[in-house]
C-alpha atoms as a PDB file:
ATOM      1  CA  MET A   1       0.200   0.240  -0.254  1.00  0.00           C
ATOM      2  CA  GLU A   2       2.987   2.659   0.879  1.00  0.00           C
ATOM      3  CA  ASP A   3       4.936   1.678  -2.545  1.00  0.00           C
ATOM      4  CA  LEU A   4       1.406   2.879  -4.461  1.00  0.00           C
ATOM      5  CA  LEU A   5       1.161   5.629  -2.688  1.00  0.00           C
ATOM      6  CA  GLN A   6       4.709   6.881  -3.040  1.00  0.00           C
ATOM      7  CA  ILE A   7       4.096   5.831  -7.128  1.00  0.00           C
ATOM      8  CA  ARG A   8       0.870   8.498  -6.886  1.00  0.00           C
ATOM      9  CA  ARG A   9       2.854  11.238  -5.424  1.00  0.00           C
ATOM     10  CA  ALA A  10       5.440  10.729  -8.211  1.00  0.00           C
ATOM     11  CA  PHE A  11       2.480  10.874 -10.401  1.00  0.00           C
ATOM     12  CA  GLY A  12       1.486  14.105  -8.350  1.00  0.00           C
ATOM     13  CA  ILE A  13       4.839  15.578  -8.590  1.00  0.00           C
ATOM     14  CA  LEU A  14       5.081  14.851 -12.482  1.00  0.00           C
ATOM     15  CA  PHE A  15       1.862  16.515 -12.958  1.00  0.00           C
ATOM     16  CA  ILE A  16       2.091  19.349 -11.439  1.00  0.00           C
ATOM     17  CA  LEU A  17       5.738  19.360 -13.202  1.00  0.00           C
ATOM     18  CA  VAL A  18       3.960  19.121 -16.449  1.00  0.00           C
ATOM     19  CA  SER A  19       1.384  21.962 -15.301  1.00  0.00           C
ATOM     20  CA  VAL A  20       4.470  24.183 -14.786  1.00  0.00           C
ATOM     21  CA  GLY A  21       5.814  23.772 -18.056  1.00  0.00           C
ATOM     22  CA  VAL A  22       2.817  24.470 -20.246  1.00  0.00           C
ATOM     23  CA  SER A  23       2.147  27.263 -18.332  1.00  0.00           C
ATOM     24  CA  VAL A  24       6.006  28.467 -18.561  1.00  0.00           C
ATOM     25  CA  ALA A  25       6.018  27.727 -22.206  1.00  0.00           C
ATOM     26  CA  SER A  26       2.375  28.922 -23.098  1.00  0.00           C
ATOM     27  CA  THR A  27       2.971  32.444 -21.431  1.00  0.00           C
ATOM     28  CA  LEU A  28       6.585  32.585 -23.565  1.00  0.00           C
ATOM     29  CA  SER A  29       4.996  31.723 -27.033  1.00  0.00           C
ATOM     30  CA  LEU A  30       2.441  33.605 -26.105  1.00  0.00           C
ATOM     31  CA  ILE A  31       5.022  36.957 -26.184  1.00  0.00           C
ATOM     32  CA  VAL A  32       7.554  35.313 -28.847  1.00  0.00           C
ATOM     33  CA  ALA A  33       4.262  35.074 -31.463  1.00  0.00           C
ATOM     34  CA  THR A  34       2.665  38.433 -30.249  1.00  0.00           C
ATOM     35  CA  SER A  35       6.383  39.874 -30.325  1.00  0.00           C
ATOM     36  CA  GLY A  36       7.490  39.485 -34.596  1.00  0.00           C
ATOM     37  CA  TYR A  37       9.909  36.762 -33.068  1.00  0.00           C
ATOM     38  CA  PRO A  38      10.741  34.423 -35.305  1.00  0.00           C
ATOM     39  CA  ILE A  39       8.269  30.826 -35.573  1.00  0.00           C
ATOM     40  CA  PHE A  40      12.231  28.573 -34.436  1.00  0.00           C
ATOM     41  CA  TRP A  41      11.234  29.815 -31.287  1.00  0.00           C
ATOM     42  CA  HIS A  42       8.871  28.086 -30.251  1.00  0.00           C
ATOM     43  CA  PRO A  43       9.953  24.409 -29.824  1.00  0.00           C
ATOM     44  CA  VAL A  44      12.914  26.178 -27.855  1.00  0.00           C
ATOM     45  CA  ILE A  45      10.605  27.650 -25.591  1.00  0.00           C
ATOM     46  CA  TRP A  46       8.459  24.463 -25.321  1.00  0.00           C
ATOM     47  CA  LEU A  47      12.132  21.871 -24.846  1.00  0.00           C
ATOM     48  CA  THR A  48      13.757  24.473 -22.837  1.00  0.00           C
ATOM     49  CA  SER A  49      10.579  24.894 -19.966  1.00  0.00           C
ATOM     50  CA  PHE A  50      10.139  20.916 -19.788  1.00  0.00           C
ATOM     51  CA  GLY A  51      13.290  20.079 -19.466  1.00  0.00           C
ATOM     52  CA  LEU A  52      14.792  22.248 -17.010  1.00  0.00           C
ATOM     53  CA  SER A  53      11.474  20.963 -14.204  1.00  0.00           C
ATOM     54  CA  PHE A  54      12.133  17.502 -15.597  1.00  0.00           C
ATOM     55  CA  GLY A  55      15.103  17.222 -15.706  1.00  0.00           C
ATOM     56  CA  THR A  56      15.732  19.327 -12.467  1.00  0.00           C
ATOM     57  CA  TYR A  57      13.163  17.065 -10.503  1.00  0.00           C
ATOM     58  CA  LEU A  58      14.444  13.777 -11.966  1.00  0.00           C
ATOM     59  CA  LYS A  59      18.098  14.444 -11.524  1.00  0.00           C
ATOM     60  CA  LYS A  60      17.992  15.199  -7.655  1.00  0.00           C
ATOM     61  CA  SER A  61      14.714  11.851  -7.806  1.00  0.00           C
ATOM     62  CA  ARG A  62      16.049   9.461  -9.657  1.00  0.00           C
ATOM     63  CA  GLY A  63      14.122   6.436  -7.447  1.00  0.00           C
ATOM     64  CA  LYS A  64      10.764   8.694  -8.446  1.00  0.00           C
ATOM     65  CA  LEU A  65      11.368   7.978 -12.331  1.00  0.00           C
ATOM     66  CA  ASN A  66      11.638   4.339 -11.615  1.00  0.00           C
ATOM     67  CA  MET A  67       8.248   4.480 -10.017  1.00  0.00           C
ATOM     68  CA  ILE A  68       6.977   6.605 -12.836  1.00  0.00           C
ATOM     69  CA  ARG A  69       8.146   3.352 -15.129  1.00  0.00           C
ATOM     70  CA  GLN A  70       6.612   1.467 -12.685  1.00  0.00           C
ATOM     71  CA  ARG A  71       2.933   2.724 -13.304  1.00  0.00           C
ATOM     72  CA  MET A  72       3.334   2.972 -16.758  1.00  0.00           C
ATOM     73  CA  LYS A  73       4.501  -0.694 -17.430  1.00  0.00           C
ATOM     74  CA  ASN A  74       0.956  -1.266 -15.912  1.00  0.00           C
ATOM     75  CA  SER A  75       0.002  -0.963 -19.957  1.00  0.00           C
ATOM     76  CA  VAL A  76       2.092  -3.856 -21.137  1.00  0.00           C
ATOM     77  CA  SER A  77       0.038  -6.198 -20.179  1.00  0.00           C
ATOM     78  CA  TRP A  78      -3.455  -4.746 -21.754  1.00  0.00           C
ATOM     79  CA  PRO A  79      -4.933  -6.432 -25.115  1.00  0.00           C
ATOM     80  CA  ASN A  80      -3.250  -5.131 -27.935  1.00  0.00           C
ATOM     81  CA  HIS A  81      -7.516  -3.809 -29.068  1.00  0.00           C
ATOM     82  CA  VAL A  82      -7.050  -2.056 -25.872  1.00  0.00           C
ATOM     83  CA  LYS A  83      -3.577  -0.286 -26.456  1.00  0.00           C
ATOM     84  CA  ALA A  84      -4.588   0.781 -29.738  1.00  0.00           C
ATOM     85  CA  VAL A  85      -8.100   2.577 -28.141  1.00  0.00           C
ATOM     86  CA  ASN A  86      -6.056   3.896 -26.049  1.00  0.00           C
ATOM     87  CA  GLY A  87      -3.135   4.993 -28.385  1.00  0.00           C
ATOM     88  CA  LEU A  88      -6.146   6.451 -30.370  1.00  0.00           C
ATOM     89  CA  CYS A  89      -7.384   8.521 -27.730  1.00  0.00           C
ATOM     90  CA  TRP A  90      -4.395  10.210 -26.465  1.00  0.00           C
ATOM     91  CA  ALA A  91      -3.092  10.330 -30.357  1.00  0.00           C
ATOM     92  CA  LEU A  92      -6.195  10.945 -32.856  1.00  0.00           C
ATOM     93  CA  PRO A  93      -7.062  14.310 -31.507  1.00  0.00           C
ATOM     94  CA  PHE A  94      -3.411  15.868 -32.190  1.00  0.00           C
ATOM     95  CA  ALA A  95      -2.885  14.315 -35.689  1.00  0.00           C
ATOM     96  CA  LEU A  96      -6.413  16.087 -36.368  1.00  0.00           C
ATOM     97  CA  ILE A  97      -4.645  19.597 -35.774  1.00  0.00           C
ATOM     98  CA  GLY A  98      -2.825  19.323 -39.215  1.00  0.00           C
ATOM     99  CA  VAL A  99      -6.104  18.730 -40.862  1.00  0.00           C
ATOM    100  CA  PHE A 100      -7.925  21.371 -38.774  1.00  0.00           C
ATOM    101  CA  PRO A 101      -5.266  24.309 -37.526  1.00  0.00           C
ATOM    102  CA  SER A 102      -7.578  26.810 -36.367  1.00  0.00           C
ATOM    103  CA  MET A 103      -9.341  24.305 -33.533  1.00  0.00           C
ATOM    104  CA  ILE A 104      -6.031  23.517 -32.122  1.00  0.00           C
ATOM    105  CA  GLN A 105      -6.804  24.850 -28.661  1.00  0.00           C
ATOM    106  CA  TYR A 106      -9.973  22.573 -28.177  1.00  0.00           C
ATOM    107  CA  LEU A 107      -8.304  19.393 -30.025  1.00  0.00           C
ATOM    108  CA  ILE A 108      -4.951  19.550 -27.558  1.00  0.00           C
ATOM    109  CA  LEU A 109      -7.808  20.079 -24.492  1.00  0.00           C
ATOM    110  CA  PHE A 110      -9.560  16.534 -26.286  1.00  0.00           C
ATOM    111  CA  GLY A 111      -6.717  14.627 -26.874  1.00  0.00           C
ATOM    112  CA  ILE A 112      -5.128  15.412 -23.444  1.00  0.00           C
ATOM    113  CA  GLY A 113      -9.266  14.470 -21.860  1.00  0.00           C
ATOM    114  CA  PHE A 114      -9.523  11.858 -23.843  1.00  0.00           C
ATOM    115  CA  GLY A 115      -5.589  10.357 -23.268  1.00  0.00           C
ATOM    116  CA  ASN A 116      -6.053  10.492 -19.571  1.00  0.00           C
ATOM    117  CA  LEU A 117      -9.483   9.108 -19.703  1.00  0.00           C
ATOM    118  CA  SER A 118      -9.188   5.811 -21.705  1.00  0.00           C
ATOM    119  CA  THR A 119      -5.819   4.968 -19.955  1.00  0.00           C
ATOM    120  CA  TYR A 120      -7.995   5.768 -16.147  1.00  0.00           C
ATOM    121  CA  ILE A 121     -10.501   3.338 -17.508  1.00  0.00           C
ATOM    122  CA  PHE A 122      -7.989   0.706 -18.564  1.00  0.00           C
ATOM    123  CA  MET A 123      -5.732   1.405 -15.654  1.00  0.00           C
ATOM    124  CA  LYS A 124      -8.711   0.273 -13.437  1.00  0.00           C
ATOM    125  CA  LYS A 125     -10.320  -2.461 -15.922  1.00  0.00           C
ATOM    126  CA  PHE A 126      -7.236  -4.273 -16.845  1.00  0.00           C
ATOM    127  CA  SER A 127      -4.778  -3.616 -13.863  1.00  0.00           C
ATOM    128  CA  GLN A 128      -6.617  -2.969 -11.019  1.00  0.00           C
ATOM    129  CA  GLN A 129      -5.409   0.490 -10.169  1.00  0.00           C
ATOM    130  CA  VAL A 130      -7.466   3.636  -9.865  1.00  0.00           C
ATOM    131  CA  ASN A 131      -5.849   6.775 -10.439  1.00  0.00           C
ATOM    132  CA  ASN A 132      -7.956   8.869  -9.575  1.00  0.00           C
ATOM    133  CA  GLU A 133      -5.745  12.038 -10.159  1.00  0.00           C
ATOM    134  CA  GLN A 134      -5.578  11.009 -14.237  1.00  0.00           C
ATOM    135  CA  LEU A 135      -9.570  10.920 -13.720  1.00  0.00           C
ATOM    136  CA  ILE A 136      -9.050  14.604 -12.645  1.00  0.00           C
ATOM    137  CA  VAL A 137      -6.973  15.839 -15.176  1.00  0.00           C
ATOM    138  CA  GLY A 138      -9.194  14.143 -18.374  1.00  0.00           C
ATOM    139  CA  THR A 139     -12.796  15.356 -17.557  1.00  0.00           C
ATOM    140  CA  MET A 140     -11.885  18.603 -16.424  1.00  0.00           C
ATOM    141  CA  SER A 141      -9.151  18.454 -19.788  1.00  0.00           C
ATOM    142  CA  LEU A 142     -12.692  17.628 -21.661  1.00  0.00           C
ATOM    143  CA  LEU A 143     -14.995  20.463 -19.448  1.00  0.00           C
ATOM    144  CA  PHE A 144     -12.573  22.789 -20.096  1.00  0.00           C
ATOM    145  CA  VAL A 145     -13.299  22.190 -24.219  1.00  0.00           C
ATOM    146  CA  PHE A 146     -16.337  23.900 -23.452  1.00  0.00           C
ATOM    147  CA  VAL A 147     -15.024  26.848 -20.998  1.00  0.00           C
ATOM    148  CA  ALA A 148     -12.274  27.255 -24.023  1.00  0.00           C
ATOM    149  CA  ALA A 149     -14.872  27.724 -26.265  1.00  0.00           C
ATOM    150  CA  ALA A 150     -17.330  29.992 -24.569  1.00  0.00           C
ATOM    151  CA  ILE A 151     -14.461  32.182 -24.226  1.00  0.00           C
ATOM    152  CA  ASP A 152     -12.788  31.705 -27.400  1.00  0.00           C
ATOM    153  CA  GLN A 153     -15.865  32.648 -28.900  1.00  0.00           C
ATOM    154  CA  THR A 154     -17.030  35.939 -27.379  1.00  0.00           C
ATOM    155  CA  LEU A 155     -14.058  37.546 -25.706  1.00  0.00           C
ATOM    156  CA  PHE A 156     -11.146  36.522 -28.200  1.00  0.00           C
ATOM    157  CA  ILE A 157     -12.688  35.498 -31.170  1.00  0.00           C
ATOM    158  CA  HIS A 158     -10.528  37.718 -33.034  1.00  0.00           C
ATOM    159  CA  ASN A 159      -7.357  36.811 -31.060  1.00  0.00           C
ATOM    160  CA  GLN A 160      -6.171  33.563 -32.158  1.00  0.00           C
ATOM    161  CA  PRO A 161      -2.718  33.332 -30.212  1.00  0.00           C
ATOM    162  CA  VAL A 162      -5.362  34.613 -26.854  1.00  0.00           C
ATOM    163  CA  ALA A 163      -7.313  31.666 -27.700  1.00  0.00           C
ATOM    164  CA  VAL A 164      -4.835  28.518 -27.679  1.00  0.00           C
ATOM    165  CA  PHE A 165      -2.422  30.281 -25.020  1.00  0.00           C
ATOM    166  CA  LEU A 166      -6.313  30.282 -22.675  1.00  0.00           C
ATOM    167  CA  SER A 167      -6.350  26.676 -23.773  1.00  0.00           C
ATOM    168  CA  ARG A 168      -3.105  25.698 -22.942  1.00  0.00           C
ATOM    169  CA  MET A 169      -3.563  27.198 -19.337  1.00  0.00           C
ATOM    170  CA  LEU A 170      -6.506  25.700 -18.953  1.00  0.00           C
ATOM    171  CA  ILE A 171      -4.595  22.121 -19.482  1.00  0.00           C
ATOM    172  CA  ALA A 172      -2.308  23.486 -16.708  1.00  0.00           C
ATOM    173  CA  VAL A 173      -4.683  23.874 -14.707  1.00  0.00           C
ATOM    174  CA  SER A 174      -6.540  20.236 -15.697  1.00  0.00           C
ATOM    175  CA  TYR A 175      -2.779  18.863 -14.195  1.00  0.00           C
ATOM    176  CA  ALA A 176      -2.936  20.659 -11.307  1.00  0.00           C
ATOM    177  CA  LEU A 177      -5.467  19.611  -9.869  1.00  0.00           C
ATOM    178  CA  GLY A 178      -4.589  16.229 -10.456  1.00  0.00           C
ATOM    179  CA  GLY A 179      -1.425  16.641  -9.315  1.00  0.00           C
ATOM    180  CA  ILE A 180      -2.737  17.953  -5.693  1.00  0.00           C
ATOM    181  CA  PHE A 181      -5.394  15.470  -5.675  1.00  0.00           C
ATOM    182  CA  ALA A 182      -2.663  12.960  -5.910  1.00  0.00           C
ATOM    183  CA  LEU A 183      -0.054  14.946  -3.846  1.00  0.00           C
ATOM    184  CA  LEU A 184      -3.077  15.243  -0.988  1.00  0.00           C
ATOM    185  CA  VAL A 185      -5.106  11.619  -0.857  1.00  0.00           C
ATOM    186  CA  LYS A 186      -3.958   9.591   1.882  1.00  0.00           C
ATOM    187  CA  LYS A 187      -4.528   6.022   0.345  1.00  0.00           C
END
């Protein structure tokens, strides 16, 4: 039981680091997008934002990385069709960004939402693990699609960079809520 709690806490920290990485990278990307800097800076910003936060944490806590791997390995034993469905839930919304680039802010939220929700369901059914922090991230991301649509269609209908920024901040909030839950849960 203590091992599961430690794994959950490791994922809580991971989710909070995702939230921090998304927040920092989104803010810097918005500045770059609205200041006329070359598009080259976007991948540099994202890689640096995530690299610094994850690198610093994992360098100090190699044991946490092993815990995260341990939980992720649970999906290896799933039936192939389940792995395929889970992979599609994660990848399809992101792949559709190339087809529908004007819907990027919604497709990112759908990808995070469906990906985390399907992983939660399959972990519960096939690995007998109840990872409620993943349920929180998935559910909040899907609910935030409606929030993003309402904001985008009223306040920022003609400002795509701000609309994308706000949807990314909603993703950060989703991951922060899941991470905080994982750190506060007692069992």
